Amino acid sequence: MKSPIRMTKYRTLLLATIGFNFSFLIWFSFAPFTGGMAEEFGLDAAEIGILASSAIWMAPFG
């Protein structure tokens, strides 16, 4: 009889890997729109940098 714990570890690893890669996909998809957003809202490079990194700051600790 196979242990369900072993499958759970691999499934958790797979889901975490997919989620990690998906977050980078979304993060890098944001880059082409920064020029237009900066022009539309009158933002400089530092303000766009803060906007782009705000999702990292909002992540819960731990």
N, C-alpha and C. Protein backbone atom coordinates (compact mmCIF):
# COMPACT_ATOMS: atom_id res chain seq x y z
N MET A 1 0.84 -1.18 0.00
CA MET A 1 0.00 0.00 0.00
C MET A 1 0.89 1.25 0.00
N LYS A 2 0.60 2.16 -0.91
CA LYS A 2 1.39 3.38 -1.01
C LYS A 2 0.92 4.41 0.01
N SER A 3 1.87 5.16 0.51
CA SER A 3 1.56 6.18 1.50
C SER A 3 1.00 7.43 0.83
N PRO A 4 -0.11 7.98 1.33
CA PRO A 4 -0.65 9.21 0.75
C PRO A 4 0.22 10.44 1.03
N ILE A 5 1.09 10.36 2.04
CA ILE A 5 1.95 11.49 2.38
C ILE A 5 2.95 11.76 1.26
N ARG A 6 3.47 10.70 0.66
CA ARG A 6 4.46 10.87 -0.40
C ARG A 6 3.85 11.62 -1.59
N MET A 7 2.65 11.26 -1.98
CA MET A 7 1.99 11.94 -3.09
C MET A 7 1.68 13.39 -2.73
N THR A 8 1.35 13.65 -1.49
CA THR A 8 1.05 15.00 -1.04
C THR A 8 2.28 15.89 -1.14
N LYS A 9 3.45 15.37 -0.79
CA LYS A 9 4.67 16.16 -0.89
C LYS A 9 4.95 16.55 -2.33
N TYR A 10 4.82 15.61 -3.24
CA TYR A 10 5.10 15.90 -4.64
C TYR A 10 4.05 16.84 -5.23
N ARG A 11 2.82 16.64 -4.85
CA ARG A 11 1.75 17.51 -5.34
C ARG A 11 1.95 18.93 -4.82
N THR A 12 2.33 19.07 -3.56
CA THR A 12 2.60 20.39 -2.99
C THR A 12 3.78 21.05 -3.69
N LEU A 13 4.83 20.30 -3.94
CA LEU A 13 5.99 20.83 -4.66
C LEU A 13 5.60 21.27 -6.06
N LEU A 14 4.81 20.48 -6.74
CA LEU A 14 4.37 20.82 -8.09
C LEU A 14 3.52 22.09 -8.09
N LEU A 15 2.57 22.18 -7.17
CA LEU A 15 1.72 23.37 -7.10
C LEU A 15 2.52 24.62 -6.73
N ALA A 16 3.48 24.48 -5.83
CA ALA A 16 4.31 25.62 -5.45
C ALA A 16 5.18 26.07 -6.62
N THR A 17 5.71 25.12 -7.37
CA THR A 17 6.54 25.45 -8.53
C THR A 17 5.72 26.14 -9.61
N ILE A 18 4.53 25.64 -9.86
CA ILE A 18 3.65 26.26 -10.86
C ILE A 18 3.27 27.67 -10.40
N GLY A 19 2.92 27.83 -9.14
CA GLY A 19 2.57 29.15 -8.63
C GLY A 19 3.72 30.13 -8.69
N PHE A 20 4.92 29.67 -8.37
CA PHE A 20 6.11 30.52 -8.44
C PHE A 20 6.37 30.97 -9.87
N ASN A 21 6.32 30.03 -10.80
CA ASN A 21 6.55 30.39 -12.21
C ASN A 21 5.44 31.28 -12.75
N PHE A 22 4.21 31.06 -12.33
CA PHE A 22 3.10 31.89 -12.77
C PHE A 22 3.25 33.32 -12.26
N SER A 23 3.74 33.46 -11.03
CA SER A 23 3.93 34.81 -10.49
C SER A 23 4.98 35.58 -11.28
N PHE A 24 6.06 34.90 -11.71
CA PHE A 24 7.05 35.57 -12.55
C PHE A 24 6.50 35.87 -13.93
N LEU A 25 5.67 35.02 -14.46
CA LEU A 25 5.04 35.29 -15.75
C LEU A 25 4.21 36.57 -15.68
N ILE A 26 3.43 36.72 -14.64
CA ILE A 26 2.62 37.92 -14.47
C ILE A 26 3.50 39.14 -14.24
N TRP A 27 4.54 38.97 -13.43
CA TRP A 27 5.43 40.08 -13.12
C TRP A 27 6.13 40.59 -14.38
N PHE A 28 6.64 39.68 -15.20
CA PHE A 28 7.33 40.09 -16.43
C PHE A 28 6.35 40.55 -17.51
N SER A 29 5.11 40.15 -17.43
CA SER A 29 4.11 40.63 -18.38
C SER A 29 3.73 42.09 -18.10
N PHE A 30 4.04 42.55 -16.91
CA PHE A 30 3.74 43.93 -16.52
C PHE A 30 4.67 44.93 -17.22
N ALA A 31 5.89 44.52 -17.56
CA ALA A 31 6.91 45.42 -18.10
C ALA A 31 6.51 46.15 -19.38
N PRO A 32 5.88 45.51 -20.36
CA PRO A 32 5.56 46.25 -21.59
C PRO A 32 4.57 47.40 -21.38
N PHE A 33 3.84 47.39 -20.31
CA PHE A 33 2.83 48.41 -20.08
C PHE A 33 3.32 49.58 -19.23
N THR A 34 4.55 49.50 -18.72
CA THR A 34 5.01 50.55 -17.80
C THR A 34 5.18 51.90 -18.49
N GLY A 35 5.63 51.90 -19.75
CA GLY A 35 5.79 53.17 -20.46
C GLY A 35 4.48 53.91 -20.62
N GLY A 36 3.47 53.20 -21.07
CA GLY A 36 2.15 53.81 -21.24
C GLY A 36 1.53 54.25 -19.93
N MET A 37 1.73 53.44 -18.89
CA MET A 37 1.19 53.80 -17.58
C MET A 37 1.89 55.05 -17.03
N ALA A 38 3.21 55.12 -17.23
CA ALA A 38 3.95 56.29 -16.75
C ALA A 38 3.48 57.56 -17.45
N GLU A 39 3.25 57.47 -18.75
CA GLU A 39 2.77 58.64 -19.49
C GLU A 39 1.36 59.02 -19.07
N GLU A 40 0.51 58.03 -18.93
CA GLU A 40 -0.90 58.30 -18.61
C GLU A 40 -1.07 58.95 -17.24
N PHE A 41 -0.29 58.48 -16.26
CA PHE A 41 -0.45 58.97 -14.89
C PHE A 41 0.64 59.94 -14.46
N GLY A 42 1.55 60.28 -15.37
CA GLY A 42 2.61 61.24 -15.05
C GLY A 42 3.60 60.73 -14.02
N LEU A 43 4.00 59.47 -14.11
CA LEU A 43 4.92 58.88 -13.15
C LEU A 43 6.34 58.89 -13.68
N ASP A 44 7.31 59.04 -12.77
CA ASP A 44 8.70 58.92 -13.19
C ASP A 44 9.19 57.49 -12.95
N ALA A 45 10.47 57.23 -13.24
CA ALA A 45 11.00 55.86 -13.15
C ALA A 45 10.93 55.31 -11.72
N ALA A 46 11.20 56.15 -10.74
CA ALA A 46 11.16 55.69 -9.34
C ALA A 46 9.75 55.30 -8.93
N GLU A 47 8.78 56.07 -9.36
CA GLU A 47 7.39 55.77 -9.00
C GLU A 47 6.89 54.50 -9.69
N ILE A 48 7.31 54.29 -10.93
CA ILE A 48 6.96 53.03 -11.61
C ILE A 48 7.62 51.86 -10.90
N GLY A 49 8.85 52.03 -10.43
CA GLY A 49 9.53 50.98 -9.68
C GLY A 49 8.79 50.62 -8.40
N ILE A 50 8.30 51.62 -7.71
CA ILE A 50 7.52 51.38 -6.49
C ILE A 50 6.23 50.65 -6.82
N LEU A 51 5.58 51.07 -7.89
CA LEU A 51 4.34 50.42 -8.31
C LEU A 51 4.58 48.96 -8.68
N ALA A 52 5.66 48.70 -9.40
CA ALA A 52 5.96 47.33 -9.84
C ALA A 52 6.32 46.42 -8.68
N SER A 53 6.94 46.97 -7.63
CA SER A 53 7.36 46.13 -6.51
C SER A 53 6.34 46.10 -5.38
N SER A 54 5.22 46.77 -5.53
CA SER A 54 4.25 46.82 -4.44
C SER A 54 3.65 45.46 -4.12
N ALA A 55 3.56 44.58 -5.10
CA ALA A 55 3.02 43.24 -4.83
C ALA A 55 3.94 42.46 -3.90
N ILE A 56 5.24 42.70 -3.98
CA ILE A 56 6.19 42.02 -3.09
C ILE A 56 5.99 42.50 -1.66
N TRP A 57 5.76 43.79 -1.48
CA TRP A 57 5.58 44.34 -0.14
C TRP A 57 4.28 43.87 0.49
N MET A 58 3.29 43.59 -0.32
CA MET A 58 1.99 43.20 0.21
C MET A 58 1.91 41.72 0.56
N ALA A 59 2.94 40.96 0.22
CA ALA A 59 2.94 39.53 0.53
C ALA A 59 3.05 39.34 2.04
N PRO A 60 2.33 38.39 2.59
CA PRO A 60 2.39 38.17 4.04
C PRO A 60 3.75 37.60 4.46
N PHE A 61 4.21 37.97 5.63
CA PHE A 61 5.46 37.44 6.15
C PHE A 61 5.28 35.98 6.56
N GLY A 62 6.35 35.22 6.42
CA GLY A 62 6.32 33.83 6.86
C GLY A 62 6.02 32.96 5.76
